[in-house]
């Protein structure tokens, strides 16, 4: 299989693309998992509304999903965590 070259100005080489995530990267993903779940839930609601007219109940479901995403995002932003530089 041929590996396509990266953008000429990129500072990432091909060996970095094929590696597994580090423990620090996995910790960041794990910390953001509530937000990922909330965003998936909002996406599910949006997909369910694509092929039908929006009822009042559907509008409430969408507003609730949006509020959950915003609340989760706010909680993640307000957490005081030690940030470790990824790739260091």
PDB file of N, CA and C in Angstrom:
ATOM      1  N   UNK A   1       0.837  -1.169   0.000  1.00  0.00           N
ATOM      2  CA  UNK A   1       0.000   0.000   0.000  1.00  0.00           C
ATOM      3  C   UNK A   1       0.884   1.233   0.000  1.00  0.00           C
ATOM      4  N   UNK A   2       0.537   2.196  -0.828  1.00  0.00           N
ATOM      5  CA  UNK A   2       1.324   3.409  -0.939  1.00  0.00           C
ATOM      6  C   UNK A   2       0.826   4.434   0.076  1.00  0.00           C
ATOM      7  N   UNK A   3       1.751   5.013   0.824  1.00  0.00           N
ATOM      8  CA  UNK A   3       1.413   6.050   1.788  1.00  0.00           C
ATOM      9  C   UNK A   3       1.563   7.399   1.099  1.00  0.00           C
ATOM     10  N   UNK A   4       0.486   8.161   1.123  1.00  0.00           N
ATOM     11  CA  UNK A   4       0.523   9.475   0.506  1.00  0.00           C
ATOM     12  C   UNK A   4       1.336  10.431   1.357  1.00  0.00           C
ATOM     13  N   UNK A   5       2.105  11.302   0.723  1.00  0.00           N
ATOM     14  CA  UNK A   5       2.898  12.256   1.497  1.00  0.00           C
ATOM     15  C   UNK A   5       1.993  13.291   2.168  1.00  0.00           C
ATOM     16  N   UNK A   6       2.451  13.782   3.297  1.00  0.00           N
ATOM     17  CA  UNK A   6       1.724  14.827   3.997  1.00  0.00           C
ATOM     18  C   UNK A   6       1.941  16.163   3.314  1.00  0.00           C
ATOM     19  N   UNK A   7       1.227  17.126   3.768  1.00  0.00           N
ATOM     20  CA  UNK A   7       1.386  18.487   3.263  1.00  0.00           C
ATOM     21  C   UNK A   7       2.849  18.894   3.460  1.00  0.00           C
ATOM     22  N   UNK A   8       3.462  19.561   2.493  1.00  0.00           N
ATOM     23  CA  UNK A   8       4.899  19.873   2.602  1.00  0.00           C
ATOM     24  C   UNK A   8       5.263  20.734   3.816  1.00  0.00           C
ATOM     25  N   UNK A   9       4.317  21.506   4.333  1.00  0.00           N
ATOM     26  CA  UNK A   9       4.620  22.358   5.486  1.00  0.00           C
ATOM     27  C   UNK A   9       4.310  21.676   6.822  1.00  0.00           C
ATOM     28  N   UNK A  10       3.847  20.442   6.774  1.00  0.00           N
ATOM     29  CA  UNK A  10       3.486  19.724   7.992  1.00  0.00           C
ATOM     30  C   UNK A  10       4.745  19.288   8.739  1.00  0.00           C
ATOM     31  N   UNK A  11       4.674  19.311  10.061  1.00  0.00           N
ATOM     32  CA  UNK A  11       5.814  18.872  10.864  1.00  0.00           C
ATOM     33  C   UNK A  11       5.585  17.476  11.444  1.00  0.00           C
ATOM     34  N   UNK A  12       4.619  16.739  10.924  1.00  0.00           N
ATOM     35  CA  UNK A  12       4.341  15.367  11.370  1.00  0.00           C
ATOM     36  C   UNK A  12       4.848  14.417  10.293  1.00  0.00           C
ATOM     37  N   UNK A  13       5.605  13.431  10.706  1.00  0.00           N
ATOM     38  CA  UNK A  13       6.079  12.466   9.718  1.00  0.00           C
ATOM     39  C   UNK A  13       5.159  11.241   9.702  1.00  0.00           C
ATOM     40  N   UNK A  14       5.373  10.362   8.750  1.00  0.00           N
ATOM     41  CA  UNK A  14       4.497   9.205   8.550  1.00  0.00           C
ATOM     42  C   UNK A  14       4.520   8.261   9.740  1.00  0.00           C
ATOM     43  N   UNK A  15       5.632   8.174  10.450  1.00  0.00           N
ATOM     44  CA  UNK A  15       5.694   7.265  11.592  1.00  0.00           C
ATOM     45  C   UNK A  15       4.778   7.722  12.722  1.00  0.00           C
ATOM     46  N   UNK A  16       4.540   9.023  12.844  1.00  0.00           N
ATOM     47  CA  UNK A  16       3.639   9.523  13.870  1.00  0.00           C
ATOM     48  C   UNK A  16       2.187   9.245  13.518  1.00  0.00           C
ATOM     49  N   UNK A  17       1.877   9.096  12.254  1.00  0.00           N
ATOM     50  CA  UNK A  17       0.511   8.805  11.850  1.00  0.00           C
ATOM     51  C   UNK A  17       0.115   7.377  12.193  1.00  0.00           C
ATOM     52  N   UNK A  18       1.038   6.458  12.183  1.00  0.00           N
ATOM     53  CA  UNK A  18       0.735   5.043  12.376  1.00  0.00           C
ATOM     54  C   UNK A  18       0.835   4.580  13.823  1.00  0.00           C
ATOM     55  N   UNK A  19       1.140   5.467  14.741  1.00  0.00           N
ATOM     56  CA  UNK A  19       1.347   5.048  16.125  1.00  0.00           C
ATOM     57  C   UNK A  19       0.025   4.957  16.873  1.00  0.00           C
ATOM     58  N   UNK A  20       0.055   4.244  17.979  1.00  0.00           N
ATOM     59  CA  UNK A  20      -1.110   4.147  18.869  1.00  0.00           C
ATOM     60  C   UNK A  20      -1.169   5.393  19.739  1.00  0.00           C
ATOM     61  N   UNK A  21      -2.349   5.725  20.276  1.00  0.00           N
ATOM     62  CA  UNK A  21      -2.442   6.898  21.149  1.00  0.00           C
ATOM     63  C   UNK A  21      -1.671   6.675  22.448  1.00  0.00           C
ATOM     64  N   UNK A  22      -1.097   7.739  22.956  1.00  0.00           N
ATOM     65  CA  UNK A  22      -0.359   7.654  24.211  1.00  0.00           C
ATOM     66  C   UNK A  22      -1.343   7.644  25.375  1.00  0.00           C
ATOM     67  N   UNK A  23      -0.833   7.360  26.562  1.00  0.00           N
ATOM     68  CA  UNK A  23      -1.684   7.378  27.754  1.00  0.00           C
ATOM     69  C   UNK A  23      -2.262   8.763  28.001  1.00  0.00           C
ATOM     70  N   UNK A  24      -1.479   9.794  27.737  1.00  0.00           N
ATOM     71  CA  UNK A  24      -1.960  11.163  27.926  1.00  0.00           C
ATOM     72  C   UNK A  24      -3.102  11.472  26.961  1.00  0.00           C
ATOM     73  N   UNK A  25      -2.969  11.031  25.716  1.00  0.00           N
ATOM     74  CA  UNK A  25      -4.033  11.256  24.741  1.00  0.00           C
ATOM     75  C   UNK A  25      -5.295  10.485  25.116  1.00  0.00           C
ATOM     76  N   UNK A  26      -5.129   9.262  25.598  1.00  0.00           N
ATOM     77  CA  UNK A  26      -6.280   8.478  26.032  1.00  0.00           C
ATOM     78  C   UNK A  26      -6.962   9.113  27.248  1.00  0.00           C
ATOM     79  N   UNK A  27      -6.168   9.697  28.145  1.00  0.00           N
ATOM     80  CA  UNK A  27      -6.741  10.387  29.301  1.00  0.00           C
ATOM     81  C   UNK A  27      -7.572  11.591  28.872  1.00  0.00           C
ATOM     82  N   UNK A  28      -7.088  12.319  27.868  1.00  0.00           N
ATOM     83  CA  UNK A  28      -7.833  13.482  27.361  1.00  0.00           C
ATOM     84  C   UNK A  28      -9.135  13.017  26.723  1.00  0.00           C
ATOM     85  N   UNK A  29      -9.079  11.954  25.943  1.00  0.00           N
ATOM     86  CA  UNK A  29     -10.291  11.423  25.322  1.00  0.00           C
ATOM     87  C   UNK A  29     -11.274  10.972  26.394  1.00  0.00           C
ATOM     88  N   UNK A  30     -10.768  10.300  27.409  1.00  0.00           N
ATOM     89  CA  UNK A  30     -11.621   9.829  28.495  1.00  0.00           C
ATOM     90  C   UNK A  30     -12.267  11.001  29.238  1.00  0.00           C
ATOM     91  N   UNK A  31     -11.521  12.076  29.433  1.00  0.00           N
ATOM     92  CA  UNK A  31     -12.066  13.248  30.121  1.00  0.00           C
ATOM     93  C   UNK A  31     -13.134  13.934  29.274  1.00  0.00           C
ATOM     94  N   UNK A  32     -13.013  13.863  27.961  1.00  0.00           N
ATOM     95  CA  UNK A  32     -13.978  14.502  27.069  1.00  0.00           C
ATOM     96  C   UNK A  32     -15.132  13.581  26.687  1.00  0.00           C
ATOM     97  N   UNK A  33     -15.151  12.364  27.184  1.00  0.00           N
ATOM     98  CA  UNK A  33     -16.185  11.403  26.808  1.00  0.00           C
ATOM     99  C   UNK A  33     -17.605  11.873  27.134  1.00  0.00           C
ATOM    100  N   UNK A  34     -17.868  12.534  28.259  1.00  0.00           N
ATOM    101  CA  UNK A  34     -19.232  13.034  28.479  1.00  0.00           C
ATOM    102  C   UNK A  34     -19.687  14.010  27.389  1.00  0.00           C
ATOM    103  N   UNK A  35     -18.784  14.849  26.923  1.00  0.00           N
ATOM    104  CA  UNK A  35     -19.128  15.783  25.849  1.00  0.00           C
ATOM    105  C   UNK A  35     -19.376  15.026  24.548  1.00  0.00           C
ATOM    106  N   UNK A  36     -18.560  14.043  24.269  1.00  0.00           N
ATOM    107  CA  UNK A  36     -18.737  13.252  23.052  1.00  0.00           C
ATOM    108  C   UNK A  36     -20.095  12.564  23.074  1.00  0.00           C
ATOM    109  N   UNK A  37     -20.464  11.994  24.217  1.00  0.00           N
ATOM    110  CA  UNK A  37     -21.771  11.328  24.336  1.00  0.00           C
ATOM    111  C   UNK A  37     -22.919  12.322  24.142  1.00  0.00           C
ATOM    112  N   UNK A  38     -22.795  13.508  24.730  1.00  0.00           N
ATOM    113  CA  UNK A  38     -23.840  14.527  24.590  1.00  0.00           C
ATOM    114  C   UNK A  38     -23.963  14.978  23.136  1.00  0.00           C
ATOM    115  N   UNK A  39     -22.839  15.140  22.454  1.00  0.00           N
ATOM    116  CA  UNK A  39     -22.881  15.545  21.051  1.00  0.00           C
ATOM    117  C   UNK A  39     -23.493  14.455  20.176  1.00  0.00           C
ATOM    118  N   UNK A  40     -23.207  13.198  20.478  1.00  0.00           N
ATOM    119  CA  UNK A  40     -23.801  12.088  19.726  1.00  0.00           C
ATOM    120  C   UNK A  40     -25.307  12.054  19.963  1.00  0.00           C
ATOM    121  N   UNK A  41     -25.716  12.294  21.191  1.00  0.00           N
ATOM    122  CA  UNK A  41     -27.142  12.323  21.504  1.00  0.00           C
ATOM    123  C   UNK A  41     -27.847  13.445  20.725  1.00  0.00           C
ATOM    124  N   UNK A  42     -27.226  14.626  20.669  1.00  0.00           N
ATOM    125  CA  UNK A  42     -27.799  15.733  19.898  1.00  0.00           C
ATOM    126  C   UNK A  42     -27.859  15.370  18.416  1.00  0.00           C
ATOM    127  N   UNK A  43     -26.828  14.736  17.916  1.00  0.00           N
ATOM    128  CA  UNK A  43     -26.810  14.316  16.516  1.00  0.00           C
ATOM    129  C   UNK A  43     -27.924  13.314  16.238  1.00  0.00           C
ATOM    130  N   UNK A  44     -28.165  12.385  17.159  1.00  0.00           N
ATOM    131  CA  UNK A  44     -29.253  11.424  16.998  1.00  0.00           C
ATOM    132  C   UNK A  44     -30.600  12.135  16.881  1.00  0.00           C
ATOM    133  N   UNK A  45     -30.809  13.152  17.707  1.00  0.00           N
ATOM    134  CA  UNK A  45     -32.062  13.901  17.646  1.00  0.00           C
ATOM    135  C   UNK A  45     -32.178  14.609  16.307  1.00  0.00           C
ATOM    136  N   UNK A  46     -31.106  15.247  15.866  1.00  0.00           N
ATOM    137  CA  UNK A  46     -31.135  15.964  14.587  1.00  0.00           C
ATOM    138  C   UNK A  46     -31.415  15.010  13.424  1.00  0.00           C
ATOM    139  N   UNK A  47     -30.810  13.839  13.452  1.00  0.00           N
ATOM    140  CA  UNK A  47     -31.033  12.857  12.389  1.00  0.00           C
ATOM    141  C   UNK A  47     -32.485  12.395  12.389  1.00  0.00           C
ATOM    142  N   UNK A  48     -33.040  12.190  13.567  1.00  0.00           N
ATOM    143  CA  UNK A  48     -34.429  11.731  13.636  1.00  0.00           C
ATOM    144  C   UNK A  48     -35.406  12.784  13.123  1.00  0.00           C
ATOM    145  N   UNK A  49     -34.991  14.048  13.107  1.00  0.00           N
ATOM    146  CA  UNK A  49     -35.880  15.125  12.660  1.00  0.00           C
ATOM    147  C   UNK A  49     -35.699  15.479  11.185  1.00  0.00           C
ATOM    148  N   UNK A  50     -34.822  14.799  10.495  1.00  0.00           N
ATOM    149  CA  UNK A  50     -34.525  15.178   9.115  1.00  0.00           C
ATOM    150  C   UNK A  50     -35.668  14.874   8.152  1.00  0.00           C
ATOM    151  N   UNK A  51     -36.416  13.830   8.394  1.00  0.00           N
ATOM    152  CA  UNK A  51     -37.399  13.394   7.402  1.00  0.00           C
ATOM    153  C   UNK A  51     -38.847  13.580   7.843  1.00  0.00           C
ATOM    154  N   UNK A  52     -39.081  14.434   8.824  1.00  0.00           N
ATOM    155  CA  UNK A  52     -40.456  14.670   9.258  1.00  0.00           C
ATOM    156  C   UNK A  52     -40.581  16.088   9.801  1.00  0.00           C
ATOM    157  N   UNK A  53     -41.792  16.589   9.859  1.00  0.00           N
ATOM    158  CA  UNK A  53     -41.984  17.918  10.443  1.00  0.00           C
ATOM    159  C   UNK A  53     -41.698  17.891  11.941  1.00  0.00           C
ATOM    160  N   UNK A  54     -41.201  18.984  12.448  1.00  0.00           N
ATOM    161  CA  UNK A  54     -40.818  19.066  13.862  1.00  0.00           C
ATOM    162  C   UNK A  54     -42.051  19.389  14.690  1.00  0.00           C
ATOM    163  N   UNK A  55     -42.348  18.512  15.640  1.00  0.00           N
ATOM    164  CA  UNK A  55     -43.449  18.757  16.568  1.00  0.00           C
ATOM    165  C   UNK A  55     -42.914  19.486  17.790  1.00  0.00           C
ATOM    166  N   UNK A  56     -43.818  19.892  18.665  1.00  0.00           N
ATOM    167  CA  UNK A  56     -43.406  20.565  19.894  1.00  0.00           C
ATOM    168  C   UNK A  56     -42.530  19.637  20.747  1.00  0.00           C
ATOM    169  N   UNK A  57     -42.890  18.366  20.801  1.00  0.00           N
ATOM    170  CA  UNK A  57     -42.095  17.396  21.563  1.00  0.00           C
ATOM    171  C   UNK A  57     -40.690  17.257  20.966  1.00  0.00           C
ATOM    172  N   UNK A  58     -40.608  17.220  19.645  1.00  0.00           N
ATOM    173  CA  UNK A  58     -39.304  17.135  18.983  1.00  0.00           C
ATOM    174  C   UNK A  58     -38.458  18.370  19.261  1.00  0.00           C
ATOM    175  N   UNK A  59     -39.096  19.536  19.246  1.00  0.00           N
ATOM    176  CA  UNK A  59     -38.371  20.776  19.526  1.00  0.00           C
ATOM    177  C   UNK A  59     -37.822  20.754  20.950  1.00  0.00           C
ATOM    178  N   UNK A  60     -38.602  20.210  21.886  1.00  0.00           N
ATOM    179  CA  UNK A  60     -38.112  20.100  23.270  1.00  0.00           C
ATOM    180  C   UNK A  60     -36.942  19.138  23.361  1.00  0.00           C
ATOM    181  N   UNK A  61     -37.036  18.019  22.653  1.00  0.00           N
ATOM    182  CA  UNK A  61     -35.924  17.057  22.660  1.00  0.00           C
ATOM    183  C   UNK A  61     -34.648  17.696  22.129  1.00  0.00           C
ATOM    184  N   UNK A  62     -34.788  18.482  21.061  1.00  0.00           N
ATOM    185  CA  UNK A  62     -33.619  19.142  20.476  1.00  0.00           C
ATOM    186  C   UNK A  62     -33.054  20.192  21.424  1.00  0.00           C
ATOM    187  N   UNK A  63     -33.922  20.990  22.036  1.00  0.00           N
ATOM    188  CA  UNK A  63     -33.441  21.995  23.000  1.00  0.00           C
ATOM    189  C   UNK A  63     -32.761  21.330  24.188  1.00  0.00           C
ATOM    190  N   UNK A  64     -33.330  20.234  24.668  1.00  0.00           N
ATOM    191  CA  UNK A  64     -32.730  19.514  25.799  1.00  0.00           C
ATOM    192  C   UNK A  64     -31.356  18.973  25.431  1.00  0.00           C
ATOM    193  N   UNK A  65     -31.228  18.429  24.226  1.00  0.00           N
ATOM    194  CA  UNK A  65     -29.940  17.900  23.770  1.00  0.00           C
ATOM    195  C   UNK A  65     -28.916  19.024  23.627  1.00  0.00           C
ATOM    196  N   UNK A  66     -29.344  20.170  23.082  1.00  0.00           N
ATOM    197  CA  UNK A  66     -28.423  21.315  22.953  1.00  0.00           C
ATOM    198  C   UNK A  66     -27.967  21.808  24.315  1.00  0.00           C
ATOM    199  N   UNK A  67     -28.915  21.912  25.251  1.00  0.00           N
ATOM    200  CA  UNK A  67     -28.554  22.373  26.605  1.00  0.00           C
ATOM    201  C   UNK A  67     -27.589  21.406  27.280  1.00  0.00           C
ATOM    202  N   UNK A  68     -27.786  20.110  27.038  1.00  0.00           N
ATOM    203  CA  UNK A  68     -26.885  19.113  27.629  1.00  0.00           C
ATOM    204  C   UNK A  68     -25.476  19.278  27.072  1.00  0.00           C
ATOM    205  N   UNK A  69     -25.366  19.511  25.761  1.00  0.00           N
ATOM    206  CA  UNK A  69     -24.041  19.731  25.148  1.00  0.00           C
ATOM    207  C   UNK A  69     -23.394  20.969  25.757  1.00  0.00           C
ATOM    208  N   UNK A  70     -24.157  22.058  25.847  1.00  0.00           N
ATOM    209  CA  UNK A  70     -23.593  23.298  26.398  1.00  0.00           C
ATOM    210  C   UNK A  70     -23.195  23.141  27.859  1.00  0.00           C
ATOM    211  N   UNK A  71     -24.023  22.466  28.643  1.00  0.00           N
ATOM    212  CA  UNK A  71     -23.703  22.263  30.064  1.00  0.00           C
ATOM    213  C   UNK A  71     -22.454  21.394  30.226  1.00  0.00           C
ATOM    214  N   UNK A  72     -22.359  20.356  29.428  1.00  0.00           N
ATOM    215  CA  UNK A  72     -21.186  19.480  29.504  1.00  0.00           C
ATOM    216  C   UNK A  72     -19.937  20.220  29.069  1.00  0.00           C
ATOM    217  N   UNK A  73     -20.064  21.028  28.017  1.00  0.00           N
ATOM    218  CA  UNK A  73     -18.932  21.827  27.548  1.00  0.00           C
ATOM    219  C   UNK A  73     -18.488  22.808  28.632  1.00  0.00           C
ATOM    220  N   UNK A  74     -19.467  23.427  29.298  1.00  0.00           N
ATOM    221  CA  UNK A  74     -19.143  24.368  30.375  1.00  0.00           C
ATOM    222  C   UNK A  74     -18.418  23.654  31.521  1.00  0.00           C
ATOM    223  N   UNK A  75     -18.905  22.466  31.898  1.00  0.00           N
ATOM    224  CA  UNK A  75     -18.257  21.708  32.978  1.00  0.00           C
ATOM    225  C   UNK A  75     -16.819  21.364  32.618  1.00  0.00           C
ATOM    226  N   UNK A  76     -16.594  20.930  31.393  1.00  0.00           N
ATOM    227  CA  UNK A  76     -15.231  20.590  30.978  1.00  0.00           C
ATOM    228  C   UNK A  76     -14.331  21.820  30.965  1.00  0.00           C
ATOM    229  N   UNK A  77     -14.884  22.940  30.549  1.00  0.00           N
ATOM    230  CA  UNK A  77     -14.092  24.167  30.494  1.00  0.00           C
ATOM    231  C   UNK A  77     -13.728  24.651  31.886  1.00  0.00           C
ATOM    232  N   UNK A  78     -14.641  24.503  32.826  1.00  0.00           N
ATOM    233  CA  UNK A  78     -14.424  25.012  34.180  1.00  0.00           C
ATOM    234  C   UNK A  78     -13.625  24.065  35.071  1.00  0.00           C
ATOM    235  N   UNK A  79     -13.355  22.864  34.602  1.00  0.00           N
ATOM    236  CA  UNK A  79     -12.557  21.943  35.412  1.00  0.00           C
ATOM    237  C   UNK A  79     -11.133  22.460  35.513  1.00  0.00           C
ATOM    238  N   UNK A  80     -10.578  22.318  36.682  1.00  0.00           N
ATOM    239  CA  UNK A  80      -9.173  22.683  36.857  1.00  0.00           C
ATOM    240  C   UNK A  80      -8.354  21.405  36.751  1.00  0.00           C
ATOM    241  N   UNK A  81      -7.760  21.219  35.595  1.00  0.00           N
ATOM    242  CA  UNK A  81      -6.950  20.024  35.336  1.00  0.00           C
ATOM    243  C   UNK A  81      -5.539  20.460  34.975  1.00  0.00           C
ATOM    244  N   UNK A  82      -4.612  19.636  35.301  1.00  0.00           N
ATOM    245  CA  UNK A  82      -3.249  19.849  34.864  1.00  0.00           C
ATOM    246  C   UNK A  82      -3.173  19.413  33.412  1.00  0.00           C
ATOM    247  N   UNK A  83      -2.821  20.328  32.552  1.00  0.00           N
ATOM    248  CA  UNK A  83      -2.747  20.027  31.127  1.00  0.00           C
ATOM    249  C   UNK A  83      -1.340  19.569  30.813  1.00  0.00           C
ATOM    250  N   UNK A  84      -1.244  18.384  30.228  1.00  0.00           N
ATOM    251  CA  UNK A  84       0.054  17.882  29.800  1.00  0.00           C
ATOM    252  C   UNK A  84       0.140  18.033  28.306  1.00  0.00           C
ATOM    253  N   UNK A  85       1.270  18.438  27.830  1.00  0.00           N
ATOM    254  CA  UNK A  85       1.438  18.636  26.404  1.00  0.00           C
ATOM    255  C   UNK A  85       1.504  17.284  25.716  1.00  0.00           C
ATOM    256  N   UNK A  86       0.680  17.087  24.717  1.00  0.00           N
ATOM    257  CA  UNK A  86       0.638  15.828  23.997  1.00  0.00           C
ATOM    258  C   UNK A  86       1.824  15.756  23.050  1.00  0.00           C
ATOM    259  N   UNK A  87       2.477  14.613  23.047  1.00  0.00           N
ATOM    260  CA  UNK A  87       3.618  14.430  22.163  1.00  0.00           C
ATOM    261  C   UNK A  87       4.925  14.896  22.758  1.00  0.00           C
ATOM    262  N   UNK A  88       4.900  15.273  24.020  1.00  0.00           N
ATOM    263  CA  UNK A  88       6.144  15.745  24.637  1.00  0.00           C
ATOM    264  C   UNK A  88       6.896  14.616  25.287  1.00  0.00           C
TER     265      UNK A  88
END
